[in-house]
Amino acid sequence: MRILAIETSCDETAVAVLTAPLQVEVSLVSSQVHLHKPFGGVVPEVASRAHQEWLPLLVQQALKESDLQPDDIDLIATTRGPGLVGALLVGVSFSRALALAWGKPWVGINHLEGHLASLDLCDPSFDPPYVALLVSGGHTEYVRVDENRESIYLGGTLDDAAGEAFDKVAQLLDLGYPGGPSVQKAAEEYEGDLYPFPIPMKGKPGCDISFSGLKTAVAVALEREGIADEGIYSKPYWAASFQKTVVEALLLKLETAADMVGEKRIALVGGVAANRPLREAAQKLADRHGFQLGVVPLKYCGDNAAMIAAAALWQIQKGEVDPESLDADPNLFFQTA
């Protein structure tokens, strides 16, 4: 089976072709960072218009690079939620029209399930069961995936996701957008003692987490202490202090999630999973407790269509191909425990 997959949930336009079982023939991603950077965040209308412009071109390019014709495609899979409703509608409308024109079956995919399925693209694949920390721009979720690839939500953010907190702190420090890479780059310029920010929800039961308090703590500290040109209280100092606190908070709750369900296999997925200190700290956590760790490859951390194709294979294997009447759902989520 060969799947043409489309991802337009936020600010990346992505198209991929995957051949079962897990051969990615082509994976294309057109980033919109340069369009949203002047605004310090994603502008939904700008994102939707960019998807409309680039999606047909990326499909043409994907077919050309993989030397395929429409007749070679067996299924079209598209993200139908969660995400920005306008962006989702562009992808769903375009792909369903394409499926109708080509006479192909169509399936709508949960974007969050796509991030989990990105672990199938590891070499070798990291198969369930496991407890995953899904940490991307708009999501910080703890999810158990069982042997049948059923995903159960265990807990997550109560307000800002970790990625959003990175963006807001980067803005406070005038480090640029997007915040994750800019904060990590600045933090790498500092070595030494760090500011003792409080660890969000440390010691509280369950897997829920909140970053609003940490964001406020950073703003208050900056106002009180200021920003020095170098050394202590410099931008790298603040970036490193904030980043270390976020990493510790995320992994404390991942450890809690694993304990809750008695799981010894843990995983990191999503755009923030590209953060090097987070990956290194997760490996230390795994080594300390004898856990097995799965981490999505860097090229599949951010939003991409290869993971949507992999998630479509999940649905096919479970016999859960959605009917063609399904539309975009910006509030699509996981099953809750």
Protein backbone atom coordinates (compact mmCIF):
# COMPACT_ATOMS: atom_id res chain seq x y z
CA MET A 1 0.00 0.00 0.00
CA ARG A 2 1.21 3.50 -0.88
CA ILE A 3 -0.17 6.50 1.03
CA LEU A 4 -0.11 10.16 0.05
CA ALA A 5 -0.36 12.14 3.29
CA ILE A 6 -1.08 15.83 3.91
CA GLU A 7 -0.53 17.90 7.08
CA THR A 8 -1.83 21.48 7.47
CA SER A 9 -2.82 21.75 11.12
CA CYS A 10 -0.82 24.89 11.94
CA ASP A 11 2.04 26.68 10.22
CA GLU A 12 3.79 23.95 8.23
CA THR A 13 2.50 22.73 4.90
CA ALA A 14 3.64 19.12 4.56
CA VAL A 15 3.21 16.32 2.04
CA ALA A 16 4.69 12.81 2.17
CA VAL A 17 4.50 9.51 0.36
CA LEU A 18 4.88 6.37 2.45
CA THR A 19 4.85 2.78 1.26
CA ALA A 20 3.84 0.06 3.72
CA PRO A 21 5.22 -1.13 5.97
CA LEU A 22 7.26 2.02 6.76
CA GLN A 23 9.25 3.23 3.77
CA VAL A 24 9.13 7.03 3.47
CA GLU A 25 9.63 7.73 -0.23
CA VAL A 26 9.46 11.50 0.13
CA SER A 27 8.70 13.91 2.97
CA LEU A 28 8.36 17.61 2.16
CA VAL A 29 7.76 20.41 4.66
CA SER A 30 7.30 24.07 3.76
CA SER A 31 7.80 26.17 6.88
CA GLN A 32 5.97 29.44 7.42
CA VAL A 33 8.28 30.76 10.15
CA HIS A 34 9.36 33.70 8.00
CA LEU A 35 5.71 34.73 7.54
CA HIS A 36 4.81 34.66 11.24
CA LYS A 37 8.10 35.84 12.73
CA PRO A 38 7.23 39.57 12.49
CA PHE A 39 4.15 38.89 14.65
CA GLY A 40 5.90 36.74 17.26
CA GLY A 41 3.45 33.89 16.72
CA VAL A 42 1.19 32.15 14.23
CA VAL A 43 -1.45 34.30 12.48
CA PRO A 44 -4.27 31.89 11.49
CA GLU A 45 -5.39 33.75 8.36
CA VAL A 46 -1.81 34.03 7.09
CA ALA A 47 -1.27 30.31 7.73
CA SER A 48 -4.43 29.32 5.84
CA ARG A 49 -3.57 31.42 2.79
CA ALA A 50 -0.05 29.99 2.69
CA HIS A 51 -1.43 26.43 2.81
CA GLN A 52 -3.74 27.24 -0.11
CA GLU A 53 -0.80 28.48 -2.14
CA TRP A 54 1.77 25.81 -1.35
CA LEU A 55 -0.23 22.60 -0.96
CA PRO A 56 -0.88 21.92 -4.67
CA LEU A 57 2.76 22.67 -5.45
CA LEU A 58 4.03 20.28 -2.76
CA VAL A 59 1.78 17.46 -3.98
CA GLN A 60 3.14 17.92 -7.50
CA GLN A 61 6.70 17.98 -6.17
CA ALA A 62 6.15 14.86 -4.04
CA LEU A 63 4.88 12.88 -7.02
CA LYS A 64 7.76 14.11 -9.15
CA GLU A 65 10.45 13.31 -6.57
CA SER A 66 9.05 9.83 -5.94
CA ASP A 67 8.51 9.25 -9.69
CA LEU A 68 4.86 8.39 -9.17
CA GLN A 69 1.55 8.96 -10.90
CA PRO A 70 -1.88 9.30 -9.26
CA ASP A 71 -2.62 5.69 -10.24
CA ASP A 72 0.27 4.60 -7.99
CA ILE A 73 -1.40 6.04 -4.88
CA ASP A 74 -3.69 3.71 -2.89
CA LEU A 75 -4.90 6.03 -0.12
CA ILE A 76 -4.95 9.74 0.74
CA ALA A 77 -4.57 10.59 4.44
CA THR A 78 -4.96 14.06 5.92
CA THR A 79 -4.83 15.69 9.32
CA ARG A 80 -8.38 16.61 10.34
CA GLY A 81 -7.62 17.90 13.83
CA PRO A 82 -6.72 19.27 16.26
CA GLY A 83 -5.34 22.57 15.00
CA LEU A 84 -6.31 25.91 13.48
CA VAL A 85 -9.71 25.45 11.92
CA GLY A 86 -8.92 27.43 8.77
CA ALA A 87 -5.65 25.60 8.20
CA LEU A 88 -7.31 22.23 8.76
CA LEU A 89 -10.12 23.06 6.33
CA VAL A 90 -7.59 23.84 3.61
CA GLY A 91 -5.97 20.42 3.95
CA VAL A 92 -9.21 18.46 4.36
CA SER A 93 -10.99 20.21 1.48
CA PHE A 94 -8.05 19.90 -0.89
CA SER A 95 -7.33 16.26 -0.07
CA ARG A 96 -10.95 15.14 -0.28
CA ALA A 97 -11.30 16.84 -3.65
CA LEU A 98 -8.08 15.15 -4.75
CA ALA A 99 -9.36 11.78 -3.55
CA LEU A 100 -12.58 12.29 -5.50
CA ALA A 101 -10.74 13.33 -8.66
CA TRP A 102 -8.30 10.41 -8.46
CA GLY A 103 -10.89 7.88 -7.32
CA LYS A 104 -8.98 7.08 -4.12
CA PRO A 105 -10.17 6.35 -0.57
CA TRP A 106 -9.64 9.13 1.97
CA VAL A 107 -8.97 8.98 5.70
CA GLY A 108 -8.87 11.75 8.31
CA ILE A 109 -6.12 11.50 10.94
CA ASN A 110 -5.78 12.82 14.48
CA HIS A 111 -2.68 15.05 14.47
CA LEU A 112 -1.77 13.90 17.99
CA GLU A 113 -1.94 10.26 16.94
CA GLY A 114 0.38 11.26 14.12
CA HIS A 115 3.01 12.45 16.59
CA LEU A 116 2.77 9.13 18.43
CA ALA A 117 3.03 7.23 15.14
CA SER A 118 6.25 9.12 14.37
CA LEU A 119 7.94 6.60 16.69
CA ASP A 120 7.29 4.03 13.96
CA LEU A 121 9.74 6.03 11.85
CA CYS A 122 12.60 5.35 14.27
CA ASP A 123 15.20 2.85 13.09
CA PRO A 124 14.21 0.36 14.41
CA SER A 125 10.67 1.46 15.18
CA PHE A 126 9.73 1.95 18.83
CA ASP A 127 6.61 -0.16 19.14
CA PRO A 128 3.93 -0.01 21.88
CA PRO A 129 3.34 -0.37 24.73
CA TYR A 130 4.82 2.84 26.14
CA VAL A 131 4.01 6.08 27.93
CA ALA A 132 4.72 9.10 25.74
CA LEU A 133 5.36 12.73 26.48
CA LEU A 134 3.89 14.58 23.51
CA VAL A 135 5.37 18.05 23.70
CA SER A 136 4.89 20.39 20.75
CA GLY A 137 3.97 24.02 20.13
CA GLY A 138 0.42 23.79 21.41
CA HIS A 139 0.45 20.50 23.31
CA THR A 140 2.01 19.01 26.41
CA GLU A 141 0.28 15.70 26.96
CA TYR A 142 1.07 12.41 28.71
CA VAL A 143 -0.40 9.42 26.89
CA ARG A 144 -0.28 5.66 27.31
CA VAL A 145 -0.26 3.65 24.08
CA ASP A 146 -1.09 -0.02 24.61
CA GLU A 147 -0.23 -3.12 22.58
CA ASN A 148 -3.24 -2.52 20.33
CA ARG A 149 -2.17 1.07 19.68
CA GLU A 150 -5.05 2.46 21.70
CA SER A 151 -4.10 5.85 23.14
CA ILE A 152 -5.29 6.86 26.61
CA TYR A 153 -4.77 10.40 27.89
CA LEU A 154 -3.20 10.47 31.38
CA GLY A 155 -2.81 14.20 31.92
CA GLY A 156 -1.23 17.32 30.53
CA THR A 157 -1.11 21.07 30.42
CA LEU A 158 -3.73 23.13 32.20
CA ASP A 159 -2.81 26.34 30.37
CA ASP A 160 0.23 27.12 28.22
CA ALA A 161 1.97 24.20 26.59
CA ALA A 162 5.74 23.97 26.99
CA GLY A 163 6.27 25.20 23.44
CA GLU A 164 4.09 28.23 24.08
CA ALA A 165 6.02 28.97 27.26
CA PHE A 166 9.26 28.85 25.27
CA ASP A 167 7.81 31.35 22.79
CA LYS A 168 6.67 33.75 25.52
CA VAL A 169 9.93 33.65 27.46
CA ALA A 170 11.89 34.12 24.23
CA GLN A 171 9.77 37.21 23.62
CA LEU A 172 10.52 38.50 27.14
CA LEU A 173 14.23 38.04 26.42
CA ASP A 174 13.98 39.41 22.87
CA LEU A 175 15.50 36.21 21.47
CA GLY A 176 13.26 35.86 18.44
CA TYR A 177 10.65 33.43 17.12
CA PRO A 178 10.19 30.48 17.35
CA GLY A 179 11.14 30.35 21.00
CA GLY A 180 12.31 26.75 21.38
CA PRO A 181 15.37 26.91 19.11
CA SER A 182 16.24 30.48 20.12
CA VAL A 183 16.12 29.72 23.86
CA GLN A 184 18.20 26.56 23.41
CA LYS A 185 20.80 28.46 21.33
CA ALA A 186 21.08 31.23 23.92
CA ALA A 187 21.27 28.74 26.81
CA GLU A 188 24.24 27.02 25.20
CA GLU A 189 26.27 30.22 25.69
CA TYR A 190 26.08 29.99 29.49
CA GLU A 191 27.78 27.70 31.99
CA GLY A 192 27.45 28.04 35.75
CA ASP A 193 24.87 28.30 38.49
CA LEU A 194 21.31 28.98 37.41
CA TYR A 195 18.39 30.93 38.81
CA PRO A 196 16.24 28.73 41.10
CA PHE A 197 12.85 29.00 39.41
CA PRO A 198 10.10 26.91 41.05
CA ILE A 199 9.41 23.57 39.34
CA PRO A 200 5.81 23.69 38.07
CA MET A 201 3.48 21.44 40.11
CA LYS A 202 6.38 19.53 41.65
CA GLY A 203 5.15 17.05 44.23
CA LYS A 204 1.52 17.27 43.16
CA PRO A 205 -0.12 13.96 42.23
CA GLY A 206 -1.09 13.11 38.69
CA CYS A 207 0.31 14.16 35.32
CA ASP A 208 -1.28 17.57 34.93
CA ILE A 209 1.16 20.43 34.57
CA SER A 210 1.00 24.23 34.38
CA PHE A 211 3.49 26.68 32.92
CA SER A 212 1.66 29.95 33.63
CA GLY A 213 3.31 30.27 37.05
CA LEU A 214 6.77 29.70 35.63
CA LYS A 215 6.18 32.25 32.90
CA THR A 216 5.14 34.77 35.54
CA ALA A 217 8.15 33.88 37.70
CA VAL A 218 10.46 34.61 34.76
CA ALA A 219 8.80 37.97 34.10
CA VAL A 220 9.04 38.95 37.79
CA ALA A 221 12.71 37.89 38.02
CA LEU A 222 13.60 39.84 34.91
CA GLU A 223 11.89 42.94 36.25
CA ARG A 224 13.63 42.61 39.62
CA GLU A 225 17.12 41.59 38.49
CA GLY A 226 17.29 43.00 34.97
CA ILE A 227 19.24 41.65 32.01
CA ALA A 228 23.04 41.98 32.09
CA ASP A 229 25.28 42.08 29.04
CA GLU A 230 27.10 38.90 30.08
CA GLY A 231 27.45 36.34 32.86
CA ILE A 232 24.88 36.11 35.62
CA TYR A 233 21.51 37.72 34.69
CA SER A 234 22.47 37.80 31.01
CA LYS A 235 20.09 36.52 28.34
CA PRO A 236 21.94 33.16 28.14
CA TYR A 237 21.72 32.88 31.96
CA TRP A 238 17.97 33.43 31.97
CA ALA A 239 17.45 31.17 28.96
CA ALA A 240 19.44 28.34 30.54
CA SER A 241 17.63 28.76 33.89
CA PHE A 242 14.20 28.66 32.27
CA GLN A 243 15.06 25.74 29.97
CA LYS A 244 16.44 23.63 32.82
CA THR A 245 13.27 24.22 34.84
CA VAL A 246 10.98 23.22 31.95
CA VAL A 247 12.98 20.05 31.26
CA GLU A 248 12.92 19.02 34.91
CA ALA A 249 9.17 19.67 35.18
CA LEU A 250 8.36 17.72 32.01
CA LEU A 251 10.37 14.68 33.04
CA LEU A 252 9.11 14.62 36.63
CA LYS A 253 5.59 14.23 35.25
CA LEU A 254 6.74 11.66 32.68
CA GLU A 255 8.17 9.62 35.54
CA THR A 256 4.86 10.02 37.37
CA ALA A 257 2.93 8.89 34.29
CA ALA A 258 5.06 5.77 33.94
CA ASP A 259 4.55 4.94 37.62
CA MET A 260 0.79 5.48 37.35
CA VAL A 261 0.38 2.71 34.78
CA GLY A 262 3.38 0.55 35.73
CA GLU A 263 5.12 1.10 32.39
CA LYS A 264 8.88 0.70 31.86
CA ARG A 265 8.91 2.06 28.31
CA ILE A 266 8.82 5.84 27.79
CA ALA A 267 8.95 8.03 24.72
CA LEU A 268 9.38 11.64 23.57
CA VAL A 269 7.48 12.97 20.54
CA GLY A 270 6.58 16.39 19.14
CA GLY A 271 8.45 19.51 18.12
CA VAL A 272 9.91 20.25 21.57
CA ALA A 273 11.33 16.70 21.57
CA ALA A 274 14.03 18.21 19.34
CA ASN A 275 15.37 20.08 22.38
CA ARG A 276 18.80 18.62 23.09
CA PRO A 277 18.79 19.04 26.91
CA LEU A 278 15.35 17.39 27.06
CA ARG A 279 16.56 14.41 25.04
CA GLU A 280 19.70 14.07 27.15
CA ALA A 281 17.81 14.35 30.43
CA ALA A 282 15.24 11.79 29.25
CA GLN A 283 18.06 9.34 28.55
CA LYS A 284 19.45 9.91 32.05
CA LEU A 285 15.98 9.30 33.49
CA ALA A 286 15.71 6.07 31.53
CA ASP A 287 19.16 4.91 32.62
CA ARG A 288 18.41 5.71 36.26
CA HIS A 289 15.20 3.67 36.34
CA GLY A 290 16.02 0.97 33.82
CA PHE A 291 13.43 2.30 31.36
CA GLN A 292 13.52 1.79 27.61
CA LEU A 293 13.45 5.17 25.84
CA GLY A 294 12.10 5.94 22.39
CA VAL A 295 12.81 9.36 20.88
CA VAL A 296 11.43 10.45 17.53
CA PRO A 297 14.11 11.21 14.90
CA LEU A 298 14.90 14.92 14.68
CA LYS A 299 13.55 15.22 11.12
CA TYR A 300 10.15 13.96 12.27
CA CYS A 301 9.86 15.95 15.53
CA GLY A 302 8.05 18.92 14.02
CA ASP A 303 4.79 18.75 12.10
CA ASN A 304 5.24 16.56 9.03
CA ALA A 305 3.14 14.38 6.76
CA ALA A 306 5.19 11.18 7.10
CA MET A 307 3.85 10.77 10.63
CA ILE A 308 0.29 11.26 9.32
CA ALA A 309 0.87 8.44 6.83
CA ALA A 310 2.22 6.24 9.65
CA ALA A 311 -0.88 7.01 11.73
CA ALA A 312 -3.07 6.06 8.77
CA LEU A 313 -1.41 2.64 8.81
CA TRP A 314 -2.36 2.41 12.53
CA GLN A 315 -6.00 2.95 11.59
CA ILE A 316 -5.90 0.46 8.75
CA GLN A 317 -4.31 -2.20 10.96
CA LYS A 318 -7.05 -1.64 13.55
CA GLY A 319 -9.79 -1.58 10.90
CA GLU A 320 -10.75 1.97 11.83
CA VAL A 321 -10.78 3.81 8.53
CA ASP A 322 -12.99 6.89 8.96
CA PRO A 323 -15.95 7.42 6.63
CA GLU A 324 -15.56 10.10 3.99
CA SER A 325 -18.21 12.28 5.67
CA LEU A 326 -15.81 13.25 8.48
CA ASP A 327 -14.74 16.87 8.40
CA ALA A 328 -12.11 19.00 10.11
CA ASP A 329 -12.32 19.06 13.92
CA PRO A 330 -10.08 21.68 15.58
CA ASN A 331 -10.84 20.23 19.03
CA LEU A 332 -10.05 16.59 18.27
CA PHE A 333 -8.28 14.95 21.21
CA PHE A 334 -7.39 11.64 22.84
CA GLN A 335 -9.62 9.15 24.56
CA THR A 336 -9.54 9.85 28.30
CA ALA A 337 -8.89 7.24 30.96
